[in-house]
C-alpha atoms as a PDB file:
ATOM      1  CA  MET A   1      -8.018  -1.906  25.997  1.00  0.00           C
ATOM      2  CA  CYS A   2      -5.870   1.097  24.519  1.00  0.00           C
ATOM      3  CA  HIS A   3      -8.027   4.320  24.969  1.00  0.00           C
ATOM      4  CA  TYR A   4      -5.149   6.269  22.800  1.00  0.00           C
ATOM      5  CA  ILE A   5      -2.790   4.371  21.063  1.00  0.00           C
ATOM      6  CA  LEU A   6       0.371   6.585  18.801  1.00  0.00           C
ATOM      7  CA  ALA A   7       1.427   4.985  15.390  1.00  0.00           C
ATOM      8  CA  ILE A   8       4.360   5.530  13.239  1.00  0.00           C
ATOM      9  CA  GLU A   9       5.201   4.499   9.550  1.00  0.00           C
ATOM     10  CA  SER A  10       9.134   5.323   8.212  1.00  0.00           C
ATOM     11  CA  SER A  11       8.929   2.043   5.945  1.00  0.00           C
ATOM     12  CA  CYS A  12       9.640   3.753   3.018  1.00  0.00           C
ATOM     13  CA  ASP A  13       9.466   7.329   1.415  1.00  0.00           C
ATOM     14  CA  GLU A  14       6.586   9.015   4.157  1.00  0.00           C
ATOM     15  CA  THR A  15       7.150   9.985   7.754  1.00  0.00           C
ATOM     16  CA  ALA A  16       4.171   9.776   9.105  1.00  0.00           C
ATOM     17  CA  ALA A  17       1.996   9.314  12.959  1.00  0.00           C
ATOM     18  CA  ALA A  18      -1.684   9.228  13.886  1.00  0.00           C
ATOM     19  CA  VAL A  19      -3.803   9.346  17.256  1.00  0.00           C
ATOM     20  CA  LEU A  20      -6.385   6.438  17.558  1.00  0.00           C
ATOM     21  CA  LYS A  21      -9.145   6.563  19.967  1.00  0.00           C
ATOM     22  CA  ASP A  22     -10.842   3.145  21.368  1.00  0.00           C
ATOM     23  CA  GLY A  23      -9.682   1.568  18.275  1.00  0.00           C
ATOM     24  CA  PHE A  24     -11.690   3.031  15.831  1.00  0.00           C
ATOM     25  CA  GLU A  25     -11.998   6.885  15.972  1.00  0.00           C
ATOM     26  CA  LEU A  26      -9.025   8.720  14.532  1.00  0.00           C
ATOM     27  CA  LYS A  27      -8.101  11.829  16.241  1.00  0.00           C
ATOM     28  CA  SER A  28      -5.204  12.596  13.701  1.00  0.00           C
ATOM     29  CA  SER A  29      -3.015  11.468  10.550  1.00  0.00           C
ATOM     30  CA  VAL A  30      -0.346  13.545   9.646  1.00  0.00           C
ATOM     31  CA  ILE A  31       2.455  12.313   6.696  1.00  0.00           C
ATOM     32  CA  ALA A  32       5.374  14.282   5.721  1.00  0.00           C
ATOM     33  CA  SER A  33       6.006  13.148   2.136  1.00  0.00           C
ATOM     34  CA  GLN A  34       9.067  12.900   0.496  1.00  0.00           C
ATOM     35  CA  VAL A  35       7.810  12.550  -3.381  1.00  0.00           C
ATOM     36  CA  ASP A  36       9.838  15.754  -4.823  1.00  0.00           C
ATOM     37  CA  ILE A  37      12.950  15.031  -2.784  1.00  0.00           C
ATOM     38  CA  HIS A  38      12.974  11.506  -4.960  1.00  0.00           C
ATOM     39  CA  LYS A  39      11.532  12.726  -7.625  1.00  0.00           C
ATOM     40  CA  GLU A  40      14.296  14.262  -9.968  1.00  0.00           C
ATOM     41  CA  TYR A  41      16.349  10.858  -9.166  1.00  0.00           C
ATOM     42  CA  GLY A  42      13.313   8.787 -10.881  1.00  0.00           C
ATOM     43  CA  GLY A  43      12.628   6.548  -7.736  1.00  0.00           C
ATOM     44  CA  ILE A  44      13.837   6.150  -3.871  1.00  0.00           C
ATOM     45  CA  VAL A  45      16.896   6.788  -2.666  1.00  0.00           C
ATOM     46  CA  PRO A  46      17.366   4.972   0.380  1.00  0.00           C
ATOM     47  CA  GLU A  47      20.054   7.034   2.240  1.00  0.00           C
ATOM     48  CA  LEU A  48      18.020  10.385   1.267  1.00  0.00           C
ATOM     49  CA  ALA A  49      14.820   8.664   2.968  1.00  0.00           C
ATOM     50  CA  SER A  50      16.340   7.624   5.990  1.00  0.00           C
ATOM     51  CA  ARG A  51      18.220  10.951   6.002  1.00  0.00           C
ATOM     52  CA  HIS A  52      14.708  12.900   5.824  1.00  0.00           C
ATOM     53  CA  HIS A  53      13.145  10.313   8.190  1.00  0.00           C
ATOM     54  CA  LEU A  54      15.514  11.531  10.934  1.00  0.00           C
ATOM     55  CA  LYS A  55      14.856  15.315  10.337  1.00  0.00           C
ATOM     56  CA  ASP A  56      11.219  15.050  10.006  1.00  0.00           C
ATOM     57  CA  ILE A  57      10.228  12.424  12.838  1.00  0.00           C
ATOM     58  CA  GLY A  58      10.109  14.452  15.887  1.00  0.00           C
ATOM     59  CA  HIS A  59       7.888  17.452  14.391  1.00  0.00           C
ATOM     60  CA  VAL A  60       5.219  14.573  12.377  1.00  0.00           C
ATOM     61  CA  VAL A  61       4.879  12.712  16.105  1.00  0.00           C
ATOM     62  CA  LYS A  62       4.595  16.304  17.784  1.00  0.00           C
ATOM     63  CA  LYS A  63       2.008  17.743  15.098  1.00  0.00           C
ATOM     64  CA  ALA A  64      -0.112  14.251  15.428  1.00  0.00           C
ATOM     65  CA  LEU A  65      -0.255  14.470  18.819  1.00  0.00           C
ATOM     66  CA  HIS A  66      -1.496  18.592  18.802  1.00  0.00           C
ATOM     67  CA  GLN A  67      -4.284  17.944  16.379  1.00  0.00           C
ATOM     68  CA  ALA A  68      -5.787  15.024  18.543  1.00  0.00           C
ATOM     69  CA  LYS A  69      -5.687  17.339  21.379  1.00  0.00           C
ATOM     70  CA  ILE A  70      -3.921  15.125  23.970  1.00  0.00           C
ATOM     71  CA  THR A  71      -0.228  15.063  25.475  1.00  0.00           C
ATOM     72  CA  PRO A  72       2.163  12.050  25.763  1.00  0.00           C
ATOM     73  CA  SER A  73       1.105  11.319  29.516  1.00  0.00           C
ATOM     74  CA  GLU A  74      -2.231  10.383  27.466  1.00  0.00           C
ATOM     75  CA  LEU A  75      -1.295   7.691  25.373  1.00  0.00           C
ATOM     76  CA  GLU A  76      -1.647   4.336  26.432  1.00  0.00           C
ATOM     77  CA  ALA A  77       0.494   2.232  23.484  1.00  0.00           C
ATOM     78  CA  VAL A  78       2.646   3.205  21.061  1.00  0.00           C
ATOM     79  CA  CYS A  79       3.089   0.680  18.093  1.00  0.00           C
ATOM     80  CA  ALA A  80       5.277   1.306  14.806  1.00  0.00           C
ATOM     81  CA  THR A  81       5.297  -0.125  11.319  1.00  0.00           C
ATOM     82  CA  GLN A  82       8.430  -3.565  12.033  1.00  0.00           C
ATOM     83  CA  GLY A  83       8.803  -4.339   8.105  1.00  0.00           C
ATOM     84  CA  PRO A  84       8.639  -5.163   5.391  1.00  0.00           C
ATOM     85  CA  GLY A  85      10.316  -1.923   3.666  1.00  0.00           C
ATOM     86  CA  LEU A  86      13.801  -0.494   3.527  1.00  0.00           C
ATOM     87  CA  VAL A  87      15.856  -0.747   7.031  1.00  0.00           C
ATOM     88  CA  GLY A  88      17.073   2.279   6.987  1.00  0.00           C
ATOM     89  CA  SER A  89      13.910   4.132   6.972  1.00  0.00           C
ATOM     90  CA  LEU A  90      12.374   1.264   8.954  1.00  0.00           C
ATOM     91  CA  VAL A  91      15.023   1.793  12.061  1.00  0.00           C
ATOM     92  CA  ILE A  92      13.805   5.655  12.246  1.00  0.00           C
ATOM     93  CA  GLY A  93      10.289   4.986  13.202  1.00  0.00           C
ATOM     94  CA  PHE A  94      10.617   2.187  14.914  1.00  0.00           C
ATOM     95  CA  SER A  95      13.432   2.879  17.233  1.00  0.00           C
ATOM     96  CA  PHE A  96      11.796   6.512  17.992  1.00  0.00           C
ATOM     97  CA  ALA A  97       8.297   4.277  18.848  1.00  0.00           C
ATOM     98  CA  LYS A  98      10.244   1.873  20.965  1.00  0.00           C
ATOM     99  CA  ALA A  99      12.387   4.759  22.608  1.00  0.00           C
ATOM    100  CA  MET A 100       8.824   6.858  23.635  1.00  0.00           C
ATOM    101  CA  ALA A 101       7.094   3.715  24.864  1.00  0.00           C
ATOM    102  CA  VAL A 102       9.789   3.106  26.780  1.00  0.00           C
ATOM    103  CA  SER A 103       9.790   6.480  28.464  1.00  0.00           C
ATOM    104  CA  LEU A 104       6.337   6.944  29.061  1.00  0.00           C
ATOM    105  CA  GLY A 105       6.098   2.920  30.524  1.00  0.00           C
ATOM    106  CA  ILE A 106       3.760   2.168  28.401  1.00  0.00           C
ATOM    107  CA  PRO A 107       2.963  -0.909  25.888  1.00  0.00           C
ATOM    108  CA  PHE A 108       4.831  -1.025  22.425  1.00  0.00           C
ATOM    109  CA  THR A 109       4.131  -3.584  19.369  1.00  0.00           C
ATOM    110  CA  GLY A 110       5.807  -3.697  15.522  1.00  0.00           C
ATOM    111  CA  VAL A 111       3.525  -4.029  12.756  1.00  0.00           C
ATOM    112  CA  ASN A 112       3.473  -5.996   9.820  1.00  0.00           C
ATOM    113  CA  HIS A 113       3.081  -2.765   6.626  1.00  0.00           C
ATOM    114  CA  VAL A 114       1.247  -5.377   4.948  1.00  0.00           C
ATOM    115  CA  SER A 115      -1.286  -6.177   7.387  1.00  0.00           C
ATOM    116  CA  ALA A 116      -1.753  -2.772   8.021  1.00  0.00           C
ATOM    117  CA  HIS A 117      -2.473  -2.122   4.358  1.00  0.00           C
ATOM    118  CA  LEU A 118      -5.480  -5.092   4.904  1.00  0.00           C
ATOM    119  CA  LEU A 119      -6.818  -3.600   8.090  1.00  0.00           C
ATOM    120  CA  SER A 120      -7.031   0.198   6.333  1.00  0.00           C
ATOM    121  CA  ILE A 121     -10.459  -0.481   5.026  1.00  0.00           C
ATOM    122  CA  PHE A 122     -11.690  -0.538   8.890  1.00  0.00           C
ATOM    123  CA  LEU A 123     -10.597   3.400   8.876  1.00  0.00           C
ATOM    124  CA  GLU A 124     -13.620   3.688   6.530  1.00  0.00           C
ATOM    125  CA  ASP A 125     -17.612   3.641   7.827  1.00  0.00           C
ATOM    126  CA  SER A 126     -18.304   1.086   4.874  1.00  0.00           C
ATOM    127  CA  ARG A 127     -16.319  -2.291   6.281  1.00  0.00           C
ATOM    128  CA  PRO A 128     -16.526  -5.646   4.940  1.00  0.00           C
ATOM    129  CA  GLU A 129     -17.294  -8.648   6.679  1.00  0.00           C
ATOM    130  CA  PHE A 130     -14.576 -11.382   7.892  1.00  0.00           C
ATOM    131  CA  PRO A 131     -13.332 -13.443   6.115  1.00  0.00           C
ATOM    132  CA  PHE A 132     -12.872 -11.254   2.722  1.00  0.00           C
ATOM    133  CA  ILE A 133     -10.432 -11.937   0.203  1.00  0.00           C
ATOM    134  CA  GLY A 134      -7.469  -8.878   0.534  1.00  0.00           C
ATOM    135  CA  LEU A 135      -5.355  -7.248  -2.659  1.00  0.00           C
ATOM    136  CA  VAL A 136      -2.404  -5.632  -1.564  1.00  0.00           C
ATOM    137  CA  VAL A 137      -1.010  -3.514  -4.770  1.00  0.00           C
ATOM    138  CA  SER A 138       1.411  -0.851  -4.333  1.00  0.00           C
ATOM    139  CA  GLY A 139       4.926   0.002  -5.656  1.00  0.00           C
ATOM    140  CA  GLY A 140       6.569  -3.086  -3.313  1.00  0.00           C
ATOM    141  CA  HIS A 141       3.784  -5.320  -3.237  1.00  0.00           C
ATOM    142  CA  THR A 142       1.125  -7.222  -5.119  1.00  0.00           C
ATOM    143  CA  SER A 143      -0.676 -10.148  -3.038  1.00  0.00           C
ATOM    144  CA  LEU A 144      -3.657 -11.687  -2.415  1.00  0.00           C
ATOM    145  CA  TYR A 145      -4.616 -13.066   1.486  1.00  0.00           C
ATOM    146  CA  ARG A 146      -7.823 -14.295   2.615  1.00  0.00           C
ATOM    147  CA  VAL A 147      -8.021 -12.419   5.778  1.00  0.00           C
ATOM    148  CA  GLU A 148      -9.891 -14.346   8.254  1.00  0.00           C
ATOM    149  CA  SER A 149     -10.100 -11.707  11.393  1.00  0.00           C
ATOM    150  CA  PHE A 150      -8.038  -8.761  12.504  1.00  0.00           C
ATOM    151  CA  MET A 151      -5.358 -10.995  13.276  1.00  0.00           C
ATOM    152  CA  THR A 152      -5.073 -14.002  10.882  1.00  0.00           C
ATOM    153  CA  ALA A 153      -4.695 -13.358   7.200  1.00  0.00           C
ATOM    154  CA  GLU A 154      -3.235 -16.049   4.717  1.00  0.00           C
ATOM    155  CA  LEU A 155      -0.976 -15.651   2.089  1.00  0.00           C
ATOM    156  CA  ILE A 156      -2.779 -16.910  -1.113  1.00  0.00           C
ATOM    157  CA  GLY A 157      -0.917 -15.449  -4.486  1.00  0.00           C
ATOM    158  CA  HIS A 158       2.052 -12.873  -5.006  1.00  0.00           C
ATOM    159  CA  THR A 159       3.886 -11.577  -7.426  1.00  0.00           C
ATOM    160  CA  ARG A 160       6.970 -13.402  -9.005  1.00  0.00           C
ATOM    161  CA  ASP A 161       8.401 -10.094  -9.912  1.00  0.00           C
ATOM    162  CA  ASP A 162       7.358  -6.483 -10.388  1.00  0.00           C
ATOM    163  CA  ALA A 163       4.863  -5.856  -8.429  1.00  0.00           C
ATOM    164  CA  ALA A 164       2.269  -3.478  -9.947  1.00  0.00           C
ATOM    165  CA  GLY A 165       3.108  -0.246  -8.937  1.00  0.00           C
ATOM    166  CA  GLU A 166       6.753  -0.689 -10.030  1.00  0.00           C
ATOM    167  CA  ALA A 167       5.529  -1.719 -13.364  1.00  0.00           C
ATOM    168  CA  PHE A 168       3.630   1.373 -13.191  1.00  0.00           C
ATOM    169  CA  ASP A 169       6.875   3.348 -12.441  1.00  0.00           C
ATOM    170  CA  LYS A 170       8.962   1.510 -14.914  1.00  0.00           C
ATOM    171  CA  VAL A 171       6.529   2.695 -17.923  1.00  0.00           C
ATOM    172  CA  SER A 172       6.499   5.563 -17.029  1.00  0.00           C
ATOM    173  CA  LYS A 173      10.141   5.611 -17.347  1.00  0.00           C
ATOM    174  CA  LEU A 174       9.954   4.371 -20.648  1.00  0.00           C
ATOM    175  CA  LEU A 175       7.556   6.882 -21.777  1.00  0.00           C
ATOM    176  CA  GLY A 176       9.968   9.879 -20.059  1.00  0.00           C
ATOM    177  CA  LEU A 177       6.727  10.769 -17.867  1.00  0.00           C
ATOM    178  CA  GLY A 178       8.676  11.011 -14.572  1.00  0.00           C
ATOM    179  CA  TYR A 179       8.331   9.548 -11.648  1.00  0.00           C
ATOM    180  CA  PRO A 180       5.870   8.083  -9.511  1.00  0.00           C
ATOM    181  CA  GLY A 181       4.632   6.806 -12.672  1.00  0.00           C
ATOM    182  CA  GLY A 182       0.940   5.445 -11.327  1.00  0.00           C
ATOM    183  CA  PRO A 183      -0.658   8.970 -11.289  1.00  0.00           C
ATOM    184  CA  GLN A 184       0.878  10.316 -14.603  1.00  0.00           C
ATOM    185  CA  ILE A 185      -0.283   6.991 -16.370  1.00  0.00           C
ATOM    186  CA  SER A 186      -3.751   7.081 -14.912  1.00  0.00           C
ATOM    187  CA  GLN A 187      -4.312  11.011 -16.359  1.00  0.00           C
ATOM    188  CA  LEU A 188      -3.182  10.284 -19.597  1.00  0.00           C
ATOM    189  CA  ALA A 189      -4.347   6.821 -19.590  1.00  0.00           C
ATOM    190  CA  GLU A 190      -8.317   8.483 -19.461  1.00  0.00           C
ATOM    191  CA  LYS A 191      -7.234  10.280 -22.602  1.00  0.00           C
ATOM    192  CA  GLY A 192      -6.238   6.967 -24.584  1.00  0.00           C
ATOM    193  CA  ASN A 193      -7.615   3.812 -26.230  1.00  0.00           C
ATOM    194  CA  PRO A 194      -7.276   1.072 -24.178  1.00  0.00           C
ATOM    195  CA  ASP A 195      -7.275  -1.374 -26.690  1.00  0.00           C
ATOM    196  CA  ALA A 196      -5.043   0.384 -29.234  1.00  0.00           C
ATOM    197  CA  PHE A 197      -2.573  -2.015 -28.023  1.00  0.00           C
ATOM    198  CA  LEU A 198      -2.840  -5.749 -27.025  1.00  0.00           C
ATOM    199  CA  PHE A 199      -0.213  -6.007 -24.246  1.00  0.00           C
ATOM    200  CA  PRO A 200      -0.345  -9.772 -22.557  1.00  0.00           C
ATOM    201  CA  LYS A 201      -1.765 -10.604 -19.445  1.00  0.00           C
ATOM    202  CA  ALA A 202       0.506 -13.008 -17.721  1.00  0.00           C
ATOM    203  CA  ARG A 203      -2.292 -16.076 -16.286  1.00  0.00           C
ATOM    204  CA  LEU A 204       0.408 -18.297 -15.018  1.00  0.00           C
ATOM    205  CA  VAL A 205      -1.658 -21.775 -15.178  1.00  0.00           C
ATOM    206  CA  ASP A 206      -0.039 -23.603 -12.399  1.00  0.00           C
ATOM    207  CA  ASP A 207      -0.547 -20.577  -9.845  1.00  0.00           C
ATOM    208  CA  PRO A 208      -3.836 -19.465 -10.191  1.00  0.00           C
ATOM    209  CA  TYR A 209      -3.540 -16.596  -7.545  1.00  0.00           C
ATOM    210  CA  GLY A 210      -0.042 -15.461  -8.501  1.00  0.00           C
ATOM    211  CA  PHE A 211       0.892 -12.459 -10.264  1.00  0.00           C
ATOM    212  CA  SER A 212       3.685 -11.184 -13.286  1.00  0.00           C
ATOM    213  CA  PHE A 213       4.277  -7.917 -14.651  1.00  0.00           C
ATOM    214  CA  SER A 214       7.394  -7.945 -15.931  1.00  0.00           C
ATOM    215  CA  GLY A 215       6.503  -9.565 -19.226  1.00  0.00           C
ATOM    216  CA  LEU A 216       3.939  -6.678 -20.015  1.00  0.00           C
ATOM    217  CA  LYS A 217       6.552  -4.085 -19.110  1.00  0.00           C
ATOM    218  CA  THR A 218       8.654  -5.748 -21.620  1.00  0.00           C
ATOM    219  CA  ALA A 219       5.539  -5.554 -24.295  1.00  0.00           C
ATOM    220  CA  VAL A 220       5.493  -1.976 -23.843  1.00  0.00           C
ATOM    221  CA  HIS A 221       9.381  -1.547 -24.492  1.00  0.00           C
ATOM    222  CA  THR A 222       8.792  -3.991 -27.661  1.00  0.00           C
ATOM    223  CA  ALA A 223       6.086  -1.578 -28.745  1.00  0.00           C
ATOM    224  CA  LEU A 224       8.025   1.591 -28.373  1.00  0.00           C
ATOM    225  CA  SER A 225      10.896   0.510 -30.003  1.00  0.00           C
ATOM    226  CA  ARG A 226       8.663  -0.092 -33.536  1.00  0.00           C
ATOM    227  CA  LEU A 227       7.680   4.024 -33.116  1.00  0.00           C
ATOM    228  CA  SER A 228       9.343   6.824 -34.275  1.00  0.00           C
ATOM    229  CA  GLY A 229       9.758   9.533 -31.464  1.00  0.00           C
ATOM    230  CA  ASP A 230       6.705  11.751 -32.859  1.00  0.00           C
ATOM    231  CA  GLU A 231       4.872   8.547 -33.079  1.00  0.00           C
ATOM    232  CA  ILE A 232       5.458   7.748 -29.265  1.00  0.00           C
ATOM    233  CA  GLN A 233       4.407  11.458 -28.615  1.00  0.00           C
ATOM    234  CA  THR A 234       1.343  11.126 -30.492  1.00  0.00           C
ATOM    235  CA  ARG A 235       0.604   8.100 -28.992  1.00  0.00           C
ATOM    236  CA  THR A 236       1.504   8.152 -25.633  1.00  0.00           C
ATOM    237  CA  PRO A 237      -2.398   8.215 -24.373  1.00  0.00           C
ATOM    238  CA  ASP A 238      -3.305   4.656 -26.007  1.00  0.00           C
ATOM    239  CA  ILE A 239      -0.228   2.827 -24.354  1.00  0.00           C
ATOM    240  CA  CYS A 240      -0.890   4.328 -21.335  1.00  0.00           C
ATOM    241  CA  ALA A 241      -4.321   3.317 -21.440  1.00  0.00           C
ATOM    242  CA  SER A 242      -3.597  -0.287 -22.875  1.00  0.00           C
ATOM    243  CA  PHE A 243      -0.874  -1.221 -20.404  1.00  0.00           C
ATOM    244  CA  GLN A 244      -3.364   0.213 -17.254  1.00  0.00           C
ATOM    245  CA  LYS A 245      -5.955  -1.993 -18.850  1.00  0.00           C
ATOM    246  CA  ALA A 246      -3.737  -5.041 -18.943  1.00  0.00           C
ATOM    247  CA  VAL A 247      -2.627  -4.415 -15.685  1.00  0.00           C
ATOM    248  CA  VAL A 248      -6.487  -4.192 -14.122  1.00  0.00           C
ATOM    249  CA  GLU A 249      -8.197  -7.236 -15.712  1.00  0.00           C
ATOM    250  CA  VAL A 250      -5.524  -9.116 -14.192  1.00  0.00           C
ATOM    251  CA  LEU A 251      -5.786  -7.847 -10.658  1.00  0.00           C
ATOM    252  CA  VAL A 252      -9.456  -7.945 -11.093  1.00  0.00           C
ATOM    253  CA  SER A 253      -9.648 -11.160 -12.156  1.00  0.00           C
ATOM    254  CA  LYS A 254      -7.249 -13.136  -9.724  1.00  0.00           C
ATOM    255  CA  THR A 255      -8.989 -11.428  -6.921  1.00  0.00           C
ATOM    256  CA  LEU A 256     -12.616 -12.295  -8.133  1.00  0.00           C
ATOM    257  CA  HIS A 257     -11.651 -15.433  -8.396  1.00  0.00           C
ATOM    258  CA  ALA A 258     -10.696 -15.655  -5.310  1.00  0.00           C
ATOM    259  CA  ALA A 259     -13.286 -14.923  -3.740  1.00  0.00           C
ATOM    260  CA  LYS A 260     -15.420 -17.296  -6.158  1.00  0.00           C
ATOM    261  CA  ASN A 261     -13.332 -20.154  -5.274  1.00  0.00           C
ATOM    262  CA  TYR A 262     -13.488 -19.757  -1.828  1.00  0.00           C
ATOM    263  CA  GLY A 263     -16.605 -18.684  -1.214  1.00  0.00           C
ATOM    264  CA  ILE A 264     -16.224 -15.798  -0.386  1.00  0.00           C
ATOM    265  CA  MET A 265     -18.343 -13.010  -0.970  1.00  0.00           C
ATOM    266  CA  SER A 266     -16.211  -9.672   0.027  1.00  0.00           C
ATOM    267  CA  VAL A 267     -13.126  -8.110  -1.449  1.00  0.00           C
ATOM    268  CA  ILE A 268     -10.397  -5.130  -0.428  1.00  0.00           C
ATOM    269  CA  ALA A 269      -7.899  -3.596  -2.821  1.00  0.00           C
ATOM    270  CA  ALA A 270      -5.678  -1.606  -0.643  1.00  0.00           C
ATOM    271  CA  GLY A 271      -2.171   0.052  -1.280  1.00  0.00           C
ATOM    272  CA  GLY A 272      -1.242   3.077  -3.375  1.00  0.00           C
ATOM    273  CA  VAL A 273      -2.329   1.437  -6.738  1.00  0.00           C
ATOM    274  CA  ALA A 274      -5.756   0.978  -5.035  1.00  0.00           C
ATOM    275  CA  SER A 275      -6.302   4.549  -5.768  1.00  0.00           C
ATOM    276  CA  ASN A 276      -6.208   4.099  -9.204  1.00  0.00           C
ATOM    277  CA  LYS A 277      -9.943   4.953 -10.996  1.00  0.00           C
ATOM    278  CA  ALA A 278      -9.956   2.349 -13.509  1.00  0.00           C
ATOM    279  CA  LEU A 279      -9.163  -0.395 -10.817  1.00  0.00           C
ATOM    280  CA  ARG A 280     -11.881   0.375  -8.497  1.00  0.00           C
ATOM    281  CA  ASN A 281     -14.660   1.136 -11.105  1.00  0.00           C
ATOM    282  CA  GLU A 282     -13.488  -2.423 -13.019  1.00  0.00           C
ATOM    283  CA  MET A 283     -13.513  -4.528  -9.600  1.00  0.00           C
ATOM    284  CA  ASN A 284     -16.753  -2.530  -8.691  1.00  0.00           C
ATOM    285  CA  MET A 285     -18.379  -3.513 -12.116  1.00  0.00           C
ATOM    286  CA  GLN A 286     -17.302  -7.195 -12.503  1.00  0.00           C
ATOM    287  CA  GLY A 287     -17.954  -8.021  -8.281  1.00  0.00           C
ATOM    288  CA  LYS A 288     -21.421  -6.671  -8.703  1.00  0.00           C
ATOM    289  CA  ALA A 289     -21.608  -8.742 -11.723  1.00  0.00           C
ATOM    290  CA  ASN A 290     -20.619 -11.802  -9.530  1.00  0.00           C
ATOM    291  CA  GLY A 291     -22.049 -10.987  -6.541  1.00  0.00           C
ATOM    292  CA  ILE A 292     -19.191  -9.962  -4.832  1.00  0.00           C
ATOM    293  CA  ARG A 293     -18.814  -6.801  -3.106  1.00  0.00           C
ATOM    294  CA  ALA A 294     -15.708  -4.392  -3.443  1.00  0.00           C
ATOM    295  CA  PHE A 295     -14.629  -1.951  -1.198  1.00  0.00           C
ATOM    296  CA  PHE A 296     -11.858   0.440  -0.878  1.00  0.00           C
ATOM    297  CA  PRO A 297     -10.059   2.952   1.433  1.00  0.00           C
ATOM    298  CA  SER A 298     -10.377   6.395   0.923  1.00  0.00           C
ATOM    299  CA  PRO A 299      -7.085   7.452  -1.597  1.00  0.00           C
ATOM    300  CA  ALA A 300      -5.487   9.119   1.570  1.00  0.00           C
ATOM    301  CA  PHE A 301      -5.537   5.870   3.463  1.00  0.00           C
ATOM    302  CA  CYS A 302      -3.948   3.999   0.504  1.00  0.00           C
ATOM    303  CA  THR A 303      -0.644   5.287   0.331  1.00  0.00           C
ATOM    304  CA  ASP A 304       1.556   4.735   3.513  1.00  0.00           C
ATOM    305  CA  ASN A 305      -0.039   6.304   6.592  1.00  0.00           C
ATOM    306  CA  ALA A 306       0.237   5.732  10.034  1.00  0.00           C
ATOM    307  CA  ALA A 307      -3.745   5.453  10.418  1.00  0.00           C
ATOM    308  CA  MET A 308      -3.724   2.100   8.899  1.00  0.00           C
ATOM    309  CA  VAL A 309      -0.652   1.036  11.413  1.00  0.00           C
ATOM    310  CA  ALA A 310      -2.655   2.380  14.505  1.00  0.00           C
ATOM    311  CA  ILE A 311      -5.713  -0.057  13.391  1.00  0.00           C
ATOM    312  CA  ALA A 312      -3.591  -3.026  12.790  1.00  0.00           C
ATOM    313  CA  GLY A 313      -1.419  -2.309  16.996  1.00  0.00           C
ATOM    314  CA  TYR A 314      -4.676  -1.948  18.412  1.00  0.00           C
ATOM    315  CA  HIS A 315      -5.637  -5.073  17.674  1.00  0.00           C
ATOM    316  CA  GLN A 316      -2.200  -7.164  18.454  1.00  0.00           C
ATOM    317  CA  LEU A 317      -2.306  -5.154  21.849  1.00  0.00           C
ATOM    318  CA  ASN A 318      -5.638  -6.320  22.575  1.00  0.00           C
ATOM    319  CA  ALA A 319      -4.861  -9.720  21.681  1.00  0.00           C
ATOM    320  CA  GLY A 320      -1.303  -9.354  23.824  1.00  0.00           C
ATOM    321  CA  VAL A 321       0.688  -8.909  21.049  1.00  0.00           C
ATOM    322  CA  THR A 322       4.093  -6.900  21.997  1.00  0.00           C
ATOM    323  CA  ALA A 323       7.730  -6.338  21.265  1.00  0.00           C
ATOM    324  CA  LYS A 324      10.328  -7.204  23.216  1.00  0.00           C
ATOM    325  CA  PRO A 325      12.959  -4.279  23.710  1.00  0.00           C
ATOM    326  CA  GLU A 326      15.577  -5.950  21.156  1.00  0.00           C
ATOM    327  CA  ALA A 327      12.914  -6.294  18.795  1.00  0.00           C
ATOM    328  CA  ASP A 328      14.291  -5.637  15.399  1.00  0.00           C
ATOM    329  CA  VAL A 329      13.324  -4.552  11.821  1.00  0.00           C
ATOM    330  CA  TYR A 330      12.921  -6.722   8.771  1.00  0.00           C
ATOM    331  CA  SER A 331      13.391  -5.649   5.603  1.00  0.00           C
ATOM    332  CA  LYS A 332      11.125  -8.824   3.497  1.00  0.00           C
ATOM    333  CA  MET A 333       7.892 -10.175   4.447  1.00  0.00           C
ATOM    334  CA  LEU A 334       8.748 -13.147   7.245  1.00  0.00           C
ATOM    335  CA  CYS A 335       6.134 -15.420   5.202  1.00  0.00           C
END
């Protein structure tokens, strides 16, 4: 059993480190965000992300250890995100963690970023029992899993094209709202009429747990092309509210459909988009109506963070799963 474990996350544009004690007590969680750096470009610039990871990682790890009030010699294991993500970003955190583990003579393991999101709910006091249906919804992922244990999750559905968070970013760009799009659209949606525009909701008859958001993005583009500049400005809250409603309804309906079909009474939503208030409200409301309980990580644990990596890494190490010295990162899901 690992008493203190250090975790590092660097899959995209956050450099993060966390210290976990005994598998459940979070002693520190430090995140250096690059949102302001990439905002002017309207999205993530991989080369810039890598450079800033390299610049920040030493300071972030040092701060995480300081907040946890421990020294490196007290660590019993190290873990880091191995993939999926941006290779140039991943390799910074993964290599740093491996080198640290070797220098300290302690075990090291690589963590799947999506698995970490699925287990982020165990950072909260209110937790589901296994098995549960897990929805991972972010800028890079929109997938459904049947989660059997800390070490076992079966992929049952995923997006065919854009991830939900990616769709938010693209629609935000169409509306001239900037990056990241999720918070911008969510804020304006609160002032709009969600029934003002009837946007499509892809059902995919041949793939009941699959998602598709490219058609929705195209529908928003078509709607905007029919409006004047003044009309777009006036009706932006309505467009945001209607777009958000279409995304949320599909995410909720497919997640709960999977829970009912598998006879599972608990669902979780994790990832950056899981912070969306409309998604949380709808999942809770529809879940209660169907006798299914919904769980959500705190917003701080929805976006990329190292605390969730620590949870996943802890259980891997206790199961004897370690990384070999020659282990490398990977950009895409391996399954």
